[in-house]
């Protein structure tokens, strides 16, 4: 299965959440999203709106660039998608 931008964003969210030792339940309470929805985001199975990503970013106390793919990562995703 190839990685997508959504999948990479979810992976980065999970990495930051775990690094801060925050459970999905705690993040859910803090950002107002359901546990199930956060889990889907982290697995790359949901495509959250900017408003929902903003709630997560603020709750994790990280910056947008911490969860967004770099230009190099984006190019890798693009190359894998078209190959």
C-alpha atoms as a PDB file:
ATOM      1  CA  UNK A   1       0.000   0.000   0.000  1.00  0.00           C
ATOM      2  CA  UNK A   2       1.399   3.386  -0.966  1.00  0.00           C
ATOM      3  CA  UNK A   3       1.606   6.331   1.374  1.00  0.00           C
ATOM      4  CA  UNK A   4      -0.560   9.391   0.800  1.00  0.00           C
ATOM      5  CA  UNK A   5      -0.343  12.955   2.066  1.00  0.00           C
ATOM      6  CA  UNK A   6      -3.219  12.129   4.416  1.00  0.00           C
ATOM      7  CA  UNK A   7      -1.378   9.042   5.636  1.00  0.00           C
ATOM      8  CA  UNK A   8       1.841  10.945   6.237  1.00  0.00           C
ATOM      9  CA  UNK A   9       0.032  13.699   8.151  1.00  0.00           C
ATOM     10  CA  UNK A  10      -1.639  11.050  10.308  1.00  0.00           C
ATOM     11  CA  UNK A  11       1.671   9.335  10.958  1.00  0.00           C
ATOM     12  CA  UNK A  12       3.246  12.622  12.051  1.00  0.00           C
ATOM     13  CA  UNK A  13       0.322  13.399  14.342  1.00  0.00           C
ATOM     14  CA  UNK A  14       0.697   9.978  15.975  1.00  0.00           C
ATOM     15  CA  UNK A  15       4.468  10.503  16.386  1.00  0.00           C
ATOM     16  CA  UNK A  16       3.964  13.855  18.111  1.00  0.00           C
ATOM     17  CA  UNK A  17       1.168  12.528  20.305  1.00  0.00           C
ATOM     18  CA  UNK A  18       3.255   9.577  21.434  1.00  0.00           C
ATOM     19  CA  UNK A  19       6.371  11.716  21.937  1.00  0.00           C
ATOM     20  CA  UNK A  20       4.348  13.889  24.315  1.00  0.00           C
ATOM     21  CA  UNK A  21       2.967  10.743  25.983  1.00  0.00           C
ATOM     22  CA  UNK A  22      -0.627  11.772  25.284  1.00  0.00           C
ATOM     23  CA  UNK A  23      -3.249   9.072  24.800  1.00  0.00           C
ATOM     24  CA  UNK A  24      -5.831   9.268  22.035  1.00  0.00           C
ATOM     25  CA  UNK A  25      -8.448   9.695  24.756  1.00  0.00           C
ATOM     26  CA  UNK A  26      -6.603  12.687  26.214  1.00  0.00           C
ATOM     27  CA  UNK A  27      -6.162  14.251  22.773  1.00  0.00           C
ATOM     28  CA  UNK A  28      -9.848  13.646  22.075  1.00  0.00           C
ATOM     29  CA  UNK A  29     -10.888  15.550  25.198  1.00  0.00           C
ATOM     30  CA  UNK A  30      -8.467  18.355  24.446  1.00  0.00           C
ATOM     31  CA  UNK A  31      -9.354  18.935  20.788  1.00  0.00           C
ATOM     32  CA  UNK A  32     -13.028  17.939  20.779  1.00  0.00           C
ATOM     33  CA  UNK A  33     -12.754  15.148  18.196  1.00  0.00           C
ATOM     34  CA  UNK A  34     -13.829  11.579  18.861  1.00  0.00           C
ATOM     35  CA  UNK A  35     -11.317   8.878  19.722  1.00  0.00           C
ATOM     36  CA  UNK A  36     -12.446   6.922  16.666  1.00  0.00           C
ATOM     37  CA  UNK A  37     -11.938   9.892  14.331  1.00  0.00           C
ATOM     38  CA  UNK A  38      -8.451  10.637  15.692  1.00  0.00           C
ATOM     39  CA  UNK A  39      -7.567   6.974  15.239  1.00  0.00           C
ATOM     40  CA  UNK A  40      -8.755   7.116  11.618  1.00  0.00           C
ATOM     41  CA  UNK A  41      -6.700  10.274  11.025  1.00  0.00           C
ATOM     42  CA  UNK A  42      -3.577   8.677  12.503  1.00  0.00           C
ATOM     43  CA  UNK A  43      -4.038   5.604  10.286  1.00  0.00           C
ATOM     44  CA  UNK A  44      -4.509   7.780   7.196  1.00  0.00           C
ATOM     45  CA  UNK A  45      -8.083   6.573   6.753  1.00  0.00           C
ATOM     46  CA  UNK A  46      -9.751   9.954   7.286  1.00  0.00           C
ATOM     47  CA  UNK A  47      -9.195  13.202   5.425  1.00  0.00           C
ATOM     48  CA  UNK A  48      -9.670  15.855   8.130  1.00  0.00           C
ATOM     49  CA  UNK A  49     -10.618  19.443   7.403  1.00  0.00           C
ATOM     50  CA  UNK A  50      -8.215  22.265   8.140  1.00  0.00           C
ATOM     51  CA  UNK A  51     -10.344  23.191  11.156  1.00  0.00           C
ATOM     52  CA  UNK A  52      -9.960  19.699  12.601  1.00  0.00           C
ATOM     53  CA  UNK A  53      -6.221  19.654  11.907  1.00  0.00           C
ATOM     54  CA  UNK A  54      -5.949  23.064  13.550  1.00  0.00           C
ATOM     55  CA  UNK A  55      -7.650  21.710  16.684  1.00  0.00           C
ATOM     56  CA  UNK A  56      -5.150  18.825  16.775  1.00  0.00           C
ATOM     57  CA  UNK A  57      -2.133  21.058  16.139  1.00  0.00           C
ATOM     58  CA  UNK A  58      -3.171  23.419  18.934  1.00  0.00           C
ATOM     59  CA  UNK A  59      -3.933  20.557  21.305  1.00  0.00           C
ATOM     60  CA  UNK A  60      -0.548  18.937  20.682  1.00  0.00           C
ATOM     61  CA  UNK A  61       1.156  22.336  20.905  1.00  0.00           C
ATOM     62  CA  UNK A  62       3.029  21.807  17.656  1.00  0.00           C
ATOM     63  CA  UNK A  63       3.333  23.879  14.493  1.00  0.00           C
ATOM     64  CA  UNK A  64       1.670  23.234  11.122  1.00  0.00           C
ATOM     65  CA  UNK A  65       5.033  22.429   9.586  1.00  0.00           C
ATOM     66  CA  UNK A  66       5.519  19.701  12.182  1.00  0.00           C
ATOM     67  CA  UNK A  67       2.669  17.657  10.693  1.00  0.00           C
ATOM     68  CA  UNK A  68       2.770  18.723   7.026  1.00  0.00           C
ATOM     69  CA  UNK A  69       4.909  16.797   4.530  1.00  0.00           C
ATOM     70  CA  UNK A  70       8.130  18.458   3.435  1.00  0.00           C
ATOM     71  CA  UNK A  71       8.653  19.209  -0.255  1.00  0.00           C
ATOM     72  CA  UNK A  72      10.871  16.131  -0.477  1.00  0.00           C
ATOM     73  CA  UNK A  73       8.251  13.927   1.172  1.00  0.00           C
ATOM     74  CA  UNK A  74       5.594  15.336  -1.157  1.00  0.00           C
ATOM     75  CA  UNK A  75       7.741  14.528  -4.173  1.00  0.00           C
ATOM     76  CA  UNK A  76       8.270  10.981  -2.892  1.00  0.00           C
ATOM     77  CA  UNK A  77       4.516  10.567  -2.448  1.00  0.00           C
ATOM     78  CA  UNK A  78       3.895  11.923  -5.952  1.00  0.00           C
ATOM     79  CA  UNK A  79       6.522   9.628  -7.484  1.00  0.00           C
ATOM     80  CA  UNK A  80       5.047   6.571  -5.768  1.00  0.00           C
ATOM     81  CA  UNK A  81       1.534   7.537  -6.831  1.00  0.00           C
ATOM     82  CA  UNK A  82       2.299   7.794 -10.539  1.00  0.00           C
ATOM     83  CA  UNK A  83       4.705   4.858 -10.790  1.00  0.00           C
END
